[in-house]
Amino acid sequence: MAPLRATQCLALSKTDMARLQRVFDALCIEQGWARDGEPARRHARMLIDDYLAGNTSEGRLLIAGRAFAERLRRNMPR
């Protein structure tokens, strides 16, 4: 599987990307997402945006990712 990658030209260090990758991987496992699926892609974008906005804590990123997943679930057509 391909690692998480920024889709835009961003100034993220290897340490930044490793932190984001760990959170992304944990969310994919918890949520049962394929890493290359649409929910995972949405979360990758959300995580990068949140990180760049200043949320650099792995714990807080996990909380934000879980909340985002819950909002998406609630907004999905049944």
PDB file of N, CA and C in Angstrom:
ATOM      1  N   MET A   1       0.829  -1.177   0.000  1.00  0.00           N
ATOM      2  CA  MET A   1       0.000   0.000   0.000  1.00  0.00           C
ATOM      3  C   MET A   1       0.875   1.242   0.000  1.00  0.00           C
ATOM      4  N   ALA A   2       0.418   2.233  -0.697  1.00  0.00           N
ATOM      5  CA  ALA A   2       1.179   3.476  -0.784  1.00  0.00           C
ATOM      6  C   ALA A   2       1.061   4.262   0.513  1.00  0.00           C
ATOM      7  N   PRO A   3       2.119   4.933   0.922  1.00  0.00           N
ATOM      8  CA  PRO A   3       2.051   5.744   2.130  1.00  0.00           C
ATOM      9  C   PRO A   3       1.223   7.005   1.900  1.00  0.00           C
ATOM     10  N   LEU A   4       0.804   7.620   3.006  1.00  0.00           N
ATOM     11  CA  LEU A   4       0.092   8.888   2.948  1.00  0.00           C
ATOM     12  C   LEU A   4       1.002   9.912   2.301  1.00  0.00           C
ATOM     13  N   ARG A   5       0.463  10.673   1.374  1.00  0.00           N
ATOM     14  CA  ARG A   5       1.244  11.715   0.715  1.00  0.00           C
ATOM     15  C   ARG A   5       0.434  12.985   0.628  1.00  0.00           C
ATOM     16  N   ALA A   6       1.103  14.101   0.722  1.00  0.00           N
ATOM     17  CA  ALA A   6       0.442  15.379   0.527  1.00  0.00           C
ATOM     18  C   ALA A   6       0.103  15.515  -0.948  1.00  0.00           C
ATOM     19  N   THR A   7      -1.093  16.020  -1.230  1.00  0.00           N
ATOM     20  CA  THR A   7      -1.510  16.159  -2.623  1.00  0.00           C
ATOM     21  C   THR A   7      -1.194  17.544  -3.162  1.00  0.00           C
ATOM     22  N   GLN A   8      -0.746  18.426  -2.317  1.00  0.00           N
ATOM     23  CA  GLN A   8      -0.392  19.765  -2.731  1.00  0.00           C
ATOM     24  C   GLN A   8       1.078  19.984  -2.402  1.00  0.00           C
ATOM     25  N   CYS A   9       1.605  21.081  -2.850  1.00  0.00           N
ATOM     26  CA  CYS A   9       2.991  21.416  -2.544  1.00  0.00           C
ATOM     27  C   CYS A   9       3.025  22.008  -1.130  1.00  0.00           C
ATOM     28  N   LEU A  10       3.369  21.186  -0.161  1.00  0.00           N
ATOM     29  CA  LEU A  10       3.352  21.600   1.235  1.00  0.00           C
ATOM     30  C   LEU A  10       4.732  21.447   1.837  1.00  0.00           C
ATOM     31  N   ALA A  11       5.017  22.280   2.800  1.00  0.00           N
ATOM     32  CA  ALA A  11       6.306  22.209   3.484  1.00  0.00           C
ATOM     33  C   ALA A  11       6.159  21.369   4.745  1.00  0.00           C
ATOM     34  N   LEU A  12       6.136  20.048   4.577  1.00  0.00           N
ATOM     35  CA  LEU A  12       6.055  19.141   5.712  1.00  0.00           C
ATOM     36  C   LEU A  12       7.347  18.336   5.772  1.00  0.00           C
ATOM     37  N   SER A  13       7.904  18.259   6.960  1.00  0.00           N
ATOM     38  CA  SER A  13       9.144  17.510   7.136  1.00  0.00           C
ATOM     39  C   SER A  13       8.844  16.012   7.190  1.00  0.00           C
ATOM     40  N   LYS A  14       9.904  15.206   7.168  1.00  0.00           N
ATOM     41  CA  LYS A  14       9.733  13.759   7.310  1.00  0.00           C
ATOM     42  C   LYS A  14       9.089  13.430   8.649  1.00  0.00           C
ATOM     43  N   THR A  15       9.440  14.178   9.682  1.00  0.00           N
ATOM     44  CA  THR A  15       8.848  13.972  11.007  1.00  0.00           C
ATOM     45  C   THR A  15       7.355  14.284  10.973  1.00  0.00           C
ATOM     46  N   ASP A  16       6.986  15.393  10.318  1.00  0.00           N
ATOM     47  CA  ASP A  16       5.571  15.752  10.179  1.00  0.00           C
ATOM     48  C   ASP A  16       4.806  14.647   9.456  1.00  0.00           C
ATOM     49  N   MET A  17       5.350  14.195   8.339  1.00  0.00           N
ATOM     50  CA  MET A  17       4.671  13.174   7.545  1.00  0.00           C
ATOM     51  C   MET A  17       4.574  11.846   8.301  1.00  0.00           C
ATOM     52  N   ALA A  18       5.602  11.510   9.071  1.00  0.00           N
ATOM     53  CA  ALA A  18       5.558  10.275   9.859  1.00  0.00           C
ATOM     54  C   ALA A  18       4.451  10.358  10.908  1.00  0.00           C
ATOM     55  N   ARG A  19       4.312  11.517  11.543  1.00  0.00           N
ATOM     56  CA  ARG A  19       3.260  11.706  12.543  1.00  0.00           C
ATOM     57  C   ARG A  19       1.886  11.580  11.885  1.00  0.00           C
ATOM     58  N   LEU A  20       1.695  12.244  10.762  1.00  0.00           N
ATOM     59  CA  LEU A  20       0.424  12.160  10.043  1.00  0.00           C
ATOM     60  C   LEU A  20       0.154  10.727   9.571  1.00  0.00           C
ATOM     61  N   GLN A  21       1.179  10.036   9.122  1.00  0.00           N
ATOM     62  CA  GLN A  21       1.020   8.659   8.652  1.00  0.00           C
ATOM     63  C   GLN A  21       0.537   7.750   9.773  1.00  0.00           C
ATOM     64  N   ARG A  22       1.103   7.925  10.976  1.00  0.00           N
ATOM     65  CA  ARG A  22       0.683   7.095  12.107  1.00  0.00           C
ATOM     66  C   ARG A  22      -0.787   7.317  12.438  1.00  0.00           C
ATOM     67  N   VAL A  23      -1.209   8.568  12.437  1.00  0.00           N
ATOM     68  CA  VAL A  23      -2.611   8.882  12.736  1.00  0.00           C
ATOM     69  C   VAL A  23      -3.508   8.334  11.634  1.00  0.00           C
ATOM     70  N   PHE A  24      -3.124   8.551  10.386  1.00  0.00           N
ATOM     71  CA  PHE A  24      -3.894   8.059   9.244  1.00  0.00           C
ATOM     72  C   PHE A  24      -4.043   6.543   9.306  1.00  0.00           C
ATOM     73  N   ASP A  25      -2.950   5.844   9.549  1.00  0.00           N
ATOM     74  CA  ASP A  25      -2.993   4.375   9.631  1.00  0.00           C
ATOM     75  C   ASP A  25      -3.908   3.909  10.760  1.00  0.00           C
ATOM     76  N   ALA A  26      -3.807   4.562  11.917  1.00  0.00           N
ATOM     77  CA  ALA A  26      -4.649   4.193  13.056  1.00  0.00           C
ATOM     78  C   ALA A  26      -6.126   4.394  12.730  1.00  0.00           C
ATOM     79  N   LEU A  27      -6.468   5.509  12.084  1.00  0.00           N
ATOM     80  CA  LEU A  27      -7.865   5.764  11.717  1.00  0.00           C
ATOM     81  C   LEU A  27      -8.364   4.741  10.703  1.00  0.00           C
ATOM     82  N   CYS A  28      -7.545   4.408   9.724  1.00  0.00           N
ATOM     83  CA  CYS A  28      -7.949   3.415   8.718  1.00  0.00           C
ATOM     84  C   CYS A  28      -8.240   2.070   9.381  1.00  0.00           C
ATOM     85  N   ILE A  29      -7.399   1.673  10.321  1.00  0.00           N
ATOM     86  CA  ILE A  29      -7.611   0.402  11.028  1.00  0.00           C
ATOM     87  C   ILE A  29      -8.882   0.474  11.875  1.00  0.00           C
ATOM     88  N   GLU A  30      -9.013   1.526  12.665  1.00  0.00           N
ATOM     89  CA  GLU A  30     -10.180   1.678  13.542  1.00  0.00           C
ATOM     90  C   GLU A  30     -11.493   1.693  12.757  1.00  0.00           C
ATOM     91  N   GLN A  31     -11.494   2.398  11.630  1.00  0.00           N
ATOM     92  CA  GLN A  31     -12.722   2.597  10.867  1.00  0.00           C
ATOM     93  C   GLN A  31     -12.958   1.497   9.835  1.00  0.00           C
ATOM     94  N   GLY A  32     -11.948   0.644   9.615  1.00  0.00           N
ATOM     95  CA  GLY A  32     -12.074  -0.428   8.636  1.00  0.00           C
ATOM     96  C   GLY A  32     -12.030   0.061   7.200  1.00  0.00           C
ATOM     97  N   TRP A  33     -11.296   1.140   6.958  1.00  0.00           N
ATOM     98  CA  TRP A  33     -11.200   1.724   5.619  1.00  0.00           C
ATOM     99  C   TRP A  33     -10.019   1.145   4.849  1.00  0.00           C
ATOM    100  N   ALA A  34     -10.200   0.974   3.556  1.00  0.00           N
ATOM    101  CA  ALA A  34      -9.061   0.712   2.674  1.00  0.00           C
ATOM    102  C   ALA A  34      -8.269   2.012   2.593  1.00  0.00           C
ATOM    103  N   ARG A  35      -6.972   1.921   2.672  1.00  0.00           N
ATOM    104  CA  ARG A  35      -6.144   3.139   2.673  1.00  0.00           C
ATOM    105  C   ARG A  35      -6.264   3.944   1.398  1.00  0.00           C
ATOM    106  N   ASP A  36      -6.693   3.300   0.308  1.00  0.00           N
ATOM    107  CA  ASP A  36      -6.834   4.049  -0.948  1.00  0.00           C
ATOM    108  C   ASP A  36      -8.297   4.332  -1.276  1.00  0.00           C
ATOM    109  N   GLY A  37      -9.197   4.147  -0.320  1.00  0.00           N
ATOM    110  CA  GLY A  37     -10.617   4.397  -0.537  1.00  0.00           C
ATOM    111  C   GLY A  37     -10.984   5.859  -0.319  1.00  0.00           C
ATOM    112  N   GLU A  38     -12.186   6.216  -0.735  1.00  0.00           N
ATOM    113  CA  GLU A  38     -12.649   7.603  -0.625  1.00  0.00           C
ATOM    114  C   GLU A  38     -12.679   8.110   0.818  1.00  0.00           C
ATOM    115  N   PRO A  39     -13.216   7.353   1.791  1.00  0.00           N
ATOM    116  CA  PRO A  39     -13.195   7.874   3.167  1.00  0.00           C
ATOM    117  C   PRO A  39     -11.768   8.154   3.654  1.00  0.00           C
ATOM    118  N   ALA A  40     -10.844   7.276   3.328  1.00  0.00           N
ATOM    119  CA  ALA A  40      -9.454   7.483   3.745  1.00  0.00           C
ATOM    120  C   ALA A  40      -8.857   8.716   3.077  1.00  0.00           C
ATOM    121  N   ARG A  41      -9.155   8.918   1.800  1.00  0.00           N
ATOM    122  CA  ARG A  41      -8.640  10.112   1.105  1.00  0.00           C
ATOM    123  C   ARG A  41      -9.189  11.392   1.734  1.00  0.00           C
ATOM    124  N   ARG A  42     -10.470  11.390   2.059  1.00  0.00           N
ATOM    125  CA  ARG A  42     -11.050  12.573   2.713  1.00  0.00           C
ATOM    126  C   ARG A  42     -10.352  12.849   4.040  1.00  0.00           C
ATOM    127  N   HIS A  43     -10.095  11.785   4.783  1.00  0.00           N
ATOM    128  CA  HIS A  43      -9.440  11.960   6.071  1.00  0.00           C
ATOM    129  C   HIS A  43      -7.991  12.401   5.923  1.00  0.00           C
ATOM    130  N   ALA A  44      -7.310  11.923   4.916  1.00  0.00           N
ATOM    131  CA  ALA A  44      -5.936  12.371   4.687  1.00  0.00           C
ATOM    132  C   ALA A  44      -5.912  13.876   4.454  1.00  0.00           C
ATOM    133  N   ARG A  45      -6.834  14.355   3.620  1.00  0.00           N
ATOM    134  CA  ARG A  45      -6.902  15.806   3.369  1.00  0.00           C
ATOM    135  C   ARG A  45      -7.238  16.568   4.650  1.00  0.00           C
ATOM    136  N   MET A  46      -8.210  16.053   5.416  1.00  0.00           N
ATOM    137  CA  MET A  46      -8.606  16.708   6.657  1.00  0.00           C
ATOM    138  C   MET A  46      -7.445  16.743   7.644  1.00  0.00           C
ATOM    139  N   LEU A  47      -6.728  15.630   7.771  1.00  0.00           N
ATOM    140  CA  LEU A  47      -5.607  15.573   8.708  1.00  0.00           C
ATOM    141  C   LEU A  47      -4.507  16.564   8.330  1.00  0.00           C
ATOM    142  N   ILE A  48      -4.177  16.636   7.062  1.00  0.00           N
ATOM    143  CA  ILE A  48      -3.138  17.569   6.619  1.00  0.00           C
ATOM    144  C   ILE A  48      -3.580  19.004   6.874  1.00  0.00           C
ATOM    145  N   ASP A  49      -4.825  19.327   6.532  1.00  0.00           N
ATOM    146  CA  ASP A  49      -5.335  20.688   6.771  1.00  0.00           C
ATOM    147  C   ASP A  49      -5.297  21.028   8.254  1.00  0.00           C
ATOM    148  N   ASP A  50      -5.742  20.097   9.103  1.00  0.00           N
ATOM    149  CA  ASP A  50      -5.759  20.323  10.542  1.00  0.00           C
ATOM    150  C   ASP A  50      -4.340  20.492  11.076  1.00  0.00           C
ATOM    151  N   TYR A  51      -3.417  19.674  10.573  1.00  0.00           N
ATOM    152  CA  TYR A  51      -2.024  19.754  10.988  1.00  0.00           C
ATOM    153  C   TYR A  51      -1.436  21.120  10.634  1.00  0.00           C
ATOM    154  N   LEU A  52      -1.689  21.547   9.408  1.00  0.00           N
ATOM    155  CA  LEU A  52      -1.162  22.839   8.970  1.00  0.00           C
ATOM    156  C   LEU A  52      -1.801  24.007   9.714  1.00  0.00           C
ATOM    157  N   ALA A  53      -2.999  23.791  10.239  1.00  0.00           N
ATOM    158  CA  ALA A  53      -3.672  24.830  11.027  1.00  0.00           C
ATOM    159  C   ALA A  53      -3.137  24.892  12.458  1.00  0.00           C
ATOM    160  N   GLY A  54      -2.244  23.961  12.815  1.00  0.00           N
ATOM    161  CA  GLY A  54      -1.604  24.019  14.122  1.00  0.00           C
ATOM    162  C   GLY A  54      -1.879  22.844  15.041  1.00  0.00           C
ATOM    163  N   ASN A  55      -2.739  21.925  14.645  1.00  0.00           N
ATOM    164  CA  ASN A  55      -3.012  20.741  15.470  1.00  0.00           C
ATOM    165  C   ASN A  55      -1.962  19.684  15.147  1.00  0.00           C
ATOM    166  N   THR A  56      -0.866  19.704  15.892  1.00  0.00           N
ATOM    167  CA  THR A  56       0.248  18.799  15.602  1.00  0.00           C
ATOM    168  C   THR A  56       0.356  17.642  16.591  1.00  0.00           C
ATOM    169  N   SER A  57      -0.572  17.548  17.529  1.00  0.00           N
ATOM    170  CA  SER A  57      -0.573  16.463  18.509  1.00  0.00           C
ATOM    171  C   SER A  57      -1.234  15.227  17.904  1.00  0.00           C
ATOM    172  N   GLU A  58      -0.552  14.090  17.978  1.00  0.00           N
ATOM    173  CA  GLU A  58      -1.134  12.853  17.449  1.00  0.00           C
ATOM    174  C   GLU A  58      -2.456  12.539  18.131  1.00  0.00           C
ATOM    175  N   GLY A  59      -2.516  12.721  19.437  1.00  0.00           N
ATOM    176  CA  GLY A  59      -3.744  12.446  20.170  1.00  0.00           C
ATOM    177  C   GLY A  59      -4.896  13.334  19.717  1.00  0.00           C
ATOM    178  N   ARG A  60      -4.619  14.621  19.563  1.00  0.00           N
ATOM    179  CA  ARG A  60      -5.672  15.549  19.117  1.00  0.00           C
ATOM    180  C   ARG A  60      -6.050  15.296  17.668  1.00  0.00           C
ATOM    181  N   LEU A  61      -5.088  14.912  16.836  1.00  0.00           N
ATOM    182  CA  LEU A  61      -5.413  14.580  15.448  1.00  0.00           C
ATOM    183  C   LEU A  61      -6.311  13.346  15.384  1.00  0.00           C
ATOM    184  N   LEU A  62      -6.050  12.343  16.238  1.00  0.00           N
ATOM    185  CA  LEU A  62      -6.914  11.163  16.289  1.00  0.00           C
ATOM    186  C   LEU A  62      -8.332  11.548  16.701  1.00  0.00           C
ATOM    187  N   ILE A  63      -8.444  12.404  17.706  1.00  0.00           N
ATOM    188  CA  ILE A  63      -9.765  12.858  18.149  1.00  0.00           C
ATOM    189  C   ILE A  63     -10.476  13.592  17.020  1.00  0.00           C
ATOM    190  N   ALA A  64      -9.756  14.474  16.336  1.00  0.00           N
ATOM    191  CA  ALA A  64     -10.355  15.218  15.222  1.00  0.00           C
ATOM    192  C   ALA A  64     -10.756  14.273  14.094  1.00  0.00           C
ATOM    193  N   GLY A  65      -9.924  13.288  13.798  1.00  0.00           N
ATOM    194  CA  GLY A  65     -10.233  12.322  12.748  1.00  0.00           C
ATOM    195  C   GLY A  65     -11.448  11.479  13.081  1.00  0.00           C
ATOM    196  N   ARG A  66     -11.562  11.080  14.334  1.00  0.00           N
ATOM    197  CA  ARG A  66     -12.727  10.296  14.763  1.00  0.00           C
ATOM    198  C   ARG A  66     -14.004  11.130  14.685  1.00  0.00           C
ATOM    199  N   ALA A  67     -13.919  12.389  15.094  1.00  0.00           N
ATOM    200  CA  ALA A  67     -15.085  13.275  15.028  1.00  0.00           C
ATOM    201  C   ALA A  67     -15.505  13.500  13.573  1.00  0.00           C
ATOM    202  N   PHE A  68     -14.523  13.662  12.693  1.00  0.00           N
ATOM    203  CA  PHE A  68     -14.802  13.853  11.267  1.00  0.00           C
ATOM    204  C   PHE A  68     -15.478  12.604  10.703  1.00  0.00           C
ATOM    205  N   ALA A  69     -15.007  11.430  11.095  1.00  0.00           N
ATOM    206  CA  ALA A  69     -15.606  10.165  10.634  1.00  0.00           C
ATOM    207  C   ALA A  69     -17.055  10.068  11.089  1.00  0.00           C
ATOM    208  N   GLU A  70     -17.309  10.457  12.319  1.00  0.00           N
ATOM    209  CA  GLU A  70     -18.679  10.409  12.846  1.00  0.00           C
ATOM    210  C   GLU A  70     -19.590  11.376  12.094  1.00  0.00           C
ATOM    211  N   ARG A  71     -19.105  12.569  11.813  1.00  0.00           N
ATOM    212  CA  ARG A  71     -19.911  13.536  11.036  1.00  0.00           C
ATOM    213  C   ARG A  71     -20.218  12.982   9.645  1.00  0.00           C
ATOM    214  N   LEU A  72     -19.228  12.373   9.015  1.00  0.00           N
ATOM    215  CA  LEU A  72     -19.462  11.805   7.684  1.00  0.00           C
ATOM    216  C   LEU A  72     -20.516  10.698   7.747  1.00  0.00           C
ATOM    217  N   ARG A  73     -20.425   9.835   8.774  1.00  0.00           N
ATOM    218  CA  ARG A  73     -21.403   8.760   8.929  1.00  0.00           C
ATOM    219  C   ARG A  73     -22.819   9.309   9.092  1.00  0.00           C
ATOM    220  N   ARG A  74     -22.948  10.358   9.896  1.00  0.00           N
ATOM    221  CA  ARG A  74     -24.270  10.948  10.136  1.00  0.00           C
ATOM    222  C   ARG A  74     -24.847  11.598   8.879  1.00  0.00           C
ATOM    223  N   ASN A  75     -23.981  12.103   8.009  1.00  0.00           N
ATOM    224  CA  ASN A  75     -24.430  12.811   6.812  1.00  0.00           C
ATOM    225  C   ASN A  75     -24.609  11.919   5.605  1.00  0.00           C
ATOM    226  N   MET A  76     -24.271  10.631   5.733  1.00  0.00           N
ATOM    227  CA  MET A  76     -24.409   9.712   4.601  1.00  0.00           C
ATOM    228  C   MET A  76     -25.881   9.361   4.403  1.00  0.00           C
ATOM    229  N   PRO A  77     -26.315   9.297   3.143  1.00  0.00           N
ATOM    230  CA  PRO A  77     -27.695   8.880   2.892  1.00  0.00           C
ATOM    231  C   PRO A  77     -27.886   7.428   3.326  1.00  0.00           C
ATOM    232  N   ARG A  78     -29.060   7.126   3.830  1.00  0.00           N
ATOM    233  CA  ARG A  78     -29.334   5.759   4.295  1.00  0.00           C
ATOM    234  C   ARG A  78     -30.130   5.005   3.302  1.00  0.00           C
TER     235      ARG A  78
END
